Every structure is written in structure tokens, then in C-alpha cells.
C-alpha atoms as a PDB file:
ATOM      1  CA  MET A   1       7.059  -3.878   2.252  1.00  0.00           C
ATOM      2  CA  ALA A   2       7.758  -5.188  -0.301  1.00  0.00           C
ATOM      3  CA  VAL A   3      10.817  -6.795   0.205  1.00  0.00           C
ATOM      4  CA  VAL A   4       7.713  -8.378   2.672  1.00  0.00           C
ATOM      5  CA  ASP A   5       5.245  -9.399   0.159  1.00  0.00           C
ATOM      6  CA  LEU A   6       8.027 -10.916  -1.520  1.00  0.00           C
ATOM      7  CA  GLU A   7       8.568 -13.023   1.671  1.00  0.00           C
ATOM      8  CA  GLN A   8       6.197 -14.041   2.359  1.00  0.00           C
ATOM      9  CA  ILE A   9       5.088 -15.583  -1.655  1.00  0.00           C
ATOM     10  CA  ALA A  10       8.353 -16.985  -1.262  1.00  0.00           C
ATOM     11  CA  LEU A  11       6.980 -18.641   1.912  1.00  0.00           C
ATOM     12  CA  VAL A  12       4.370 -19.482   0.631  1.00  0.00           C
ATOM     13  CA  LYS A  13       5.453 -21.119  -2.508  1.00  0.00           C
ATOM     14  CA  ASP A  14       7.592 -24.218  -0.912  1.00  0.00           C
ATOM     15  CA  GLN A  15       4.137 -25.298   0.795  1.00  0.00           C
ATOM     16  CA  ILE A  16       1.595 -25.272  -1.767  1.00  0.00           C
ATOM     17  CA  TYR A  17       0.991 -24.366  -5.280  1.00  0.00           C
ATOM     18  CA  ASP A  18      -2.190 -22.082  -6.010  1.00  0.00           C
ATOM     19  CA  SER A  19      -2.705 -20.160  -8.909  1.00  0.00           C
ATOM     20  CA  ARG A  20      -4.069 -17.123  -7.703  1.00  0.00           C
ATOM     21  CA  LEU A  21      -0.326 -16.717  -5.835  1.00  0.00           C
ATOM     22  CA  SER A  22       1.111 -16.456  -9.158  1.00  0.00           C
ATOM     23  CA  ASN A  23      -1.933 -13.740 -10.150  1.00  0.00           C
ATOM     24  CA  PHE A  24      -0.702 -11.873  -6.793  1.00  0.00           C
ATOM     25  CA  HIS A  25       2.864 -12.299  -7.760  1.00  0.00           C
ATOM     26  CA  LYS A  26       2.397 -10.614 -10.970  1.00  0.00           C
ATOM     27  CA  ILE A  27       0.410  -7.688  -9.328  1.00  0.00           C
ATOM     28  CA  THR A  28       3.182  -7.349  -6.974  1.00  0.00           C
ATOM     29  CA  THR A  29       6.067  -7.025  -9.138  1.00  0.00           C
ATOM     30  CA  SER A  30       4.059  -4.325 -10.635  1.00  0.00           C
ATOM     31  CA  THR A  31       3.344  -2.667  -7.880  1.00  0.00           C
ATOM     32  CA  ILE A  32       7.554  -2.610  -6.561  1.00  0.00           C
ATOM     33  CA  ILE A  33       7.615  -1.364  -9.813  1.00  0.00           C
ATOM     34  CA  LEU A  34       5.192   1.823  -9.914  1.00  0.00           C
ATOM     35  CA  GLU A  35       6.234   2.778  -6.469  1.00  0.00           C
ATOM     36  CA  LEU A  36       9.405   2.893  -7.976  1.00  0.00           C
ATOM     37  CA  LEU A  37       8.297   5.486 -10.935  1.00  0.00           C
ATOM     38  CA  GLY A  38       7.708   7.580  -7.995  1.00  0.00           C
ATOM     39  CA  PHE A  39      10.055   7.238  -5.726  1.00  0.00           C
ATOM     40  CA  TYR A  40      12.521   8.069  -8.767  1.00  0.00           C
ATOM     41  CA  SER A  41       9.804  10.430  -9.799  1.00  0.00           C
ATOM     42  CA  SER A  42       9.634  12.671  -6.754  1.00  0.00           C
ATOM     43  CA  SER A  43      13.307  13.819  -7.324  1.00  0.00           C
ATOM     44  CA  ILE A  44      11.712  16.042 -10.657  1.00  0.00           C
ATOM     45  CA  SER A  45       8.981  15.785  -8.902  1.00  0.00           C
ATOM     46  CA  LEU A  46       7.246  15.945  -5.286  1.00  0.00           C
ATOM     47  CA  GLY A  47       3.577  15.856  -5.896  1.00  0.00           C
ATOM     48  CA  TRP A  48       3.881  13.397  -9.244  1.00  0.00           C
ATOM     49  CA  GLY A  49       6.329  11.483  -7.203  1.00  0.00           C
ATOM     50  CA  ALA A  50       3.605  10.870  -4.280  1.00  0.00           C
ATOM     51  CA  VAL A  51       0.884  10.727  -6.974  1.00  0.00           C
ATOM     52  CA  LEU A  52       2.495   7.823  -8.737  1.00  0.00           C
ATOM     53  CA  VAL A  53       3.147   5.982  -5.376  1.00  0.00           C
ATOM     54  CA  LEU A  54      -1.200   6.741  -4.679  1.00  0.00           C
ATOM     55  CA  LEU A  55      -1.585   5.177  -7.168  1.00  0.00           C
ATOM     56  CA  SER A  56      -0.007   1.879  -6.602  1.00  0.00           C
ATOM     57  CA  GLN A  57      -0.752   1.444  -3.526  1.00  0.00           C
ATOM     58  CA  VAL A  58      -4.229   2.043  -4.836  1.00  0.00           C
ATOM     59  CA  TRP A  59      -3.892   0.051  -7.698  1.00  0.00           C
ATOM     60  CA  PHE A  60      -2.389  -3.452  -5.566  1.00  0.00           C
ATOM     61  CA  ASN A  61      -5.433  -3.398  -3.184  1.00  0.00           C
ATOM     62  CA  LEU A  62      -7.455  -3.265  -5.814  1.00  0.00           C
ATOM     63  CA  LEU A  63      -6.786  -6.219  -7.070  1.00  0.00           C
ATOM     64  CA  ALA A  64      -4.561  -8.435  -4.364  1.00  0.00           C
ATOM     65  CA  GLY A  65      -7.673 -10.515  -3.348  1.00  0.00           C
ATOM     66  CA  ILE A  66      -6.090 -12.594  -1.379  1.00  0.00           C
ATOM     67  CA  GLN A  67      -3.827 -12.097   2.018  1.00  0.00           C
ATOM     68  CA  LEU A  68      -1.093 -14.049   2.703  1.00  0.00           C
ATOM     69  CA  GLN A  69      -0.813 -15.864   6.233  1.00  0.00           C
ATOM     70  CA  PRO A  70       3.103 -17.718   5.608  1.00  0.00           C
ATOM     71  CA  LEU A  71       3.558 -19.060   9.329  1.00  0.00           C
ATOM     72  CA  GLY A  72      -1.362 -18.879   9.784  1.00  0.00           C
ATOM     73  CA  LYS A  73      -3.349 -22.763   8.837  1.00  0.00           C
ATOM     74  CA  VAL A  74      -4.764 -21.158   6.210  1.00  0.00           C
ATOM     75  CA  ALA A  75      -1.736 -19.713   4.310  1.00  0.00           C
ATOM     76  CA  ILE A  76      -3.562 -17.669   1.144  1.00  0.00           C
ATOM     77  CA  GLN A  77      -6.863 -17.333   2.151  1.00  0.00           C
ATOM     78  CA  PRO A  78      -9.472 -13.864   0.108  1.00  0.00           C
ATOM     79  CA  SER A  79      -9.358 -11.227   1.233  1.00  0.00           C
ATOM     80  CA  ALA A  80     -12.392  -8.927  -0.259  1.00  0.00           C
ATOM     81  CA  ILE A  81     -12.592  -4.989  -1.516  1.00  0.00           C
ATOM     82  CA  SER A  82     -15.086  -4.910   1.666  1.00  0.00           C
ATOM     83  CA  GLU A  83     -11.716  -5.380   3.310  1.00  0.00           C
ATOM     84  CA  ARG A  84      -9.554  -3.559   1.682  1.00  0.00           C
ATOM     85  CA  LEU A  85     -11.990  -0.268   1.679  1.00  0.00           C
ATOM     86  CA  PRO A  86     -10.784   1.934   4.270  1.00  0.00           C
ATOM     87  CA  VAL A  87      -7.014   1.417   3.327  1.00  0.00           C
ATOM     88  CA  LEU A  88      -8.548   2.443  -0.642  1.00  0.00           C
ATOM     89  CA  ILE A  89     -10.182   5.131   1.511  1.00  0.00           C
ATOM     90  CA  ALA A  90      -7.520   6.434   2.950  1.00  0.00           C
ATOM     91  CA  ASN A  91      -5.517   6.848  -0.530  1.00  0.00           C
ATOM     92  CA  GLY A  92      -8.232   8.219  -2.249  1.00  0.00           C
ATOM     93  CA  ILE A  93      -8.341  10.945   0.679  1.00  0.00           C
ATOM     94  CA  GLY A  94      -4.118  10.890  -0.449  1.00  0.00           C
ATOM     95  CA  LEU A  95      -5.244  11.260  -4.292  1.00  0.00           C
ATOM     96  CA  ILE A  96      -7.370  14.156  -3.344  1.00  0.00           C
ATOM     97  CA  LEU A  97      -4.648  16.587  -0.749  1.00  0.00           C
ATOM     98  CA  VAL A  98      -1.932  15.518  -3.349  1.00  0.00           C
ATOM     99  CA  SER A  99      -3.606  16.862  -6.108  1.00  0.00           C
ATOM    100  CA  LEU A 100      -4.943  20.161  -4.870  1.00  0.00           C
ATOM    101  CA  TRP A 101      -1.415  20.606  -3.238  1.00  0.00           C
ATOM    102  CA  LEU A 102      -0.367  20.393  -6.222  1.00  0.00           C
ATOM    103  CA  LEU A 103      -3.409  22.739  -8.206  1.00  0.00           C
ATOM    104  CA  GLN A 104      -1.429  25.460  -4.837  1.00  0.00           C
ATOM    105  CA  VAL A 105      -4.975  25.588  -3.350  1.00  0.00           C
ATOM    106  CA  ALA A 106      -4.551  25.686  -0.025  1.00  0.00           C
ATOM    107  CA  PRO A 107      -0.874  24.109   0.157  1.00  0.00           C
ATOM    108  CA  LEU A 108      -0.130  24.562   3.322  1.00  0.00           C
ATOM    109  CA  SER A 109      -3.893  22.708   4.349  1.00  0.00           C
ATOM    110  CA  MET A 110      -3.157  20.583   1.816  1.00  0.00           C
ATOM    111  CA  ALA A 111       1.118  19.159   2.504  1.00  0.00           C
ATOM    112  CA  SER A 112      -0.787  19.511   6.652  1.00  0.00           C
ATOM    113  CA  GLY A 113      -3.851  16.743   5.567  1.00  0.00           C
ATOM    114  CA  LEU A 114      -0.899  14.889   3.726  1.00  0.00           C
ATOM    115  CA  LEU A 115       0.936  15.055   7.285  1.00  0.00           C
ATOM    116  CA  GLY A 116      -2.006  14.450   9.487  1.00  0.00           C
ATOM    117  CA  LEU A 117      -2.259  11.455   7.319  1.00  0.00           C
ATOM    118  CA  VAL A 118       1.029  10.308   7.975  1.00  0.00           C
ATOM    119  CA  ILE A 119       0.820  10.361  10.920  1.00  0.00           C
ATOM    120  CA  PHE A 120      -2.441   7.800  11.531  1.00  0.00           C
ATOM    121  CA  TYR A 121      -1.802   5.763   8.957  1.00  0.00           C
ATOM    122  CA  ILE A 122       1.822   4.238  11.449  1.00  0.00           C
ATOM    123  CA  TRP A 123      -0.085   5.446  14.722  1.00  0.00           C
ATOM    124  CA  VAL A 124      -3.126   3.041  13.597  1.00  0.00           C
ATOM    125  CA  LYS A 125      -0.234   0.263  11.755  1.00  0.00           C
ATOM    126  CA  TYR A 126       1.997   0.721  14.713  1.00  0.00           C
ATOM    127  CA  ALA A 127       0.960   0.917  18.066  1.00  0.00           C
ATOM    128  CA  PRO A 128      -0.738  -1.760  18.786  1.00  0.00           C
ATOM    129  CA  ALA A 129       2.788  -3.805  18.227  1.00  0.00           C
ATOM    130  CA  VAL A 130       3.986  -1.375  20.061  1.00  0.00           C
ATOM    131  CA  LEU A 131       1.528  -0.909  22.806  1.00  0.00           C
ATOM    132  CA  LYS A 132       1.416  -5.182  23.077  1.00  0.00           C
ATOM    133  CA  VAL A 133       5.234  -5.185  23.323  1.00  0.00           C
ATOM    134  CA  LYS A 134       5.079  -3.193  26.955  1.00  0.00           C
END
């Protein structure tokens, strides 16, 4: 996803100048750094790595006030926090489940909940595209 965001930033930057794009680029870059720290940390501690990755997503979704549509009529669209609320809630649920798993509170249930959350995310993200193709 980070590569897609960086490509979209480059495409929009070629089309127009907007100060919001510079801020979005900084937020995207810092999110990528936090995600990488999370991925590398997971080699030491899976739970803490997952916490860092989820925190990077919360970071991005709290701070990114725009959405890029390089091929749309309006390349930079404002994105209210209310539009990102479902993702923030899902990230919060993930953080709670990982934290409880780290604390060894019903670890099998927490791991099952996380797996269910991942499966649900994949379904929401990719099912419409797969169904549209057929």
C-alpha cells in the first residue's frame, strides 16, 4: 500500500501544486518508517511488532486529511475523520486484541479474533473487485 501511496503522490504532484500534498507526503513517509520498525520488531517480538504496525495505521488515519485520486477530476479530495472512523475502529479493535494477547488474556481467543479481523479486512478490501471482474 505504501508504494501505491507514494506513486499517487508523485502523479498528483506532477498535475498540481497543493501544500496539503507536502504534508500528506510527510505523513505517508513517517507511516512507512513506523511500519518498517514494526515489521523488523516482529522478528524479536511478534506482538510488539504488530502493535507498532497498528499504531502506524492509526497515525496515518488520524493525520491524513486528504485522499488522492490521480485519475479523477479532483486529484486531491478532503477526507473527514468521520470517513476514516471505521478503519480507526478496526485498528483500535486490533490493538486491543494484540494487547490482550501480549498479556496472555485468553491468547487463543485473541489470536482467533485477530485472524477473523484480517479475514474480514481482506473480504471488505478485495471482494468488490473480485465480484466485479466476474
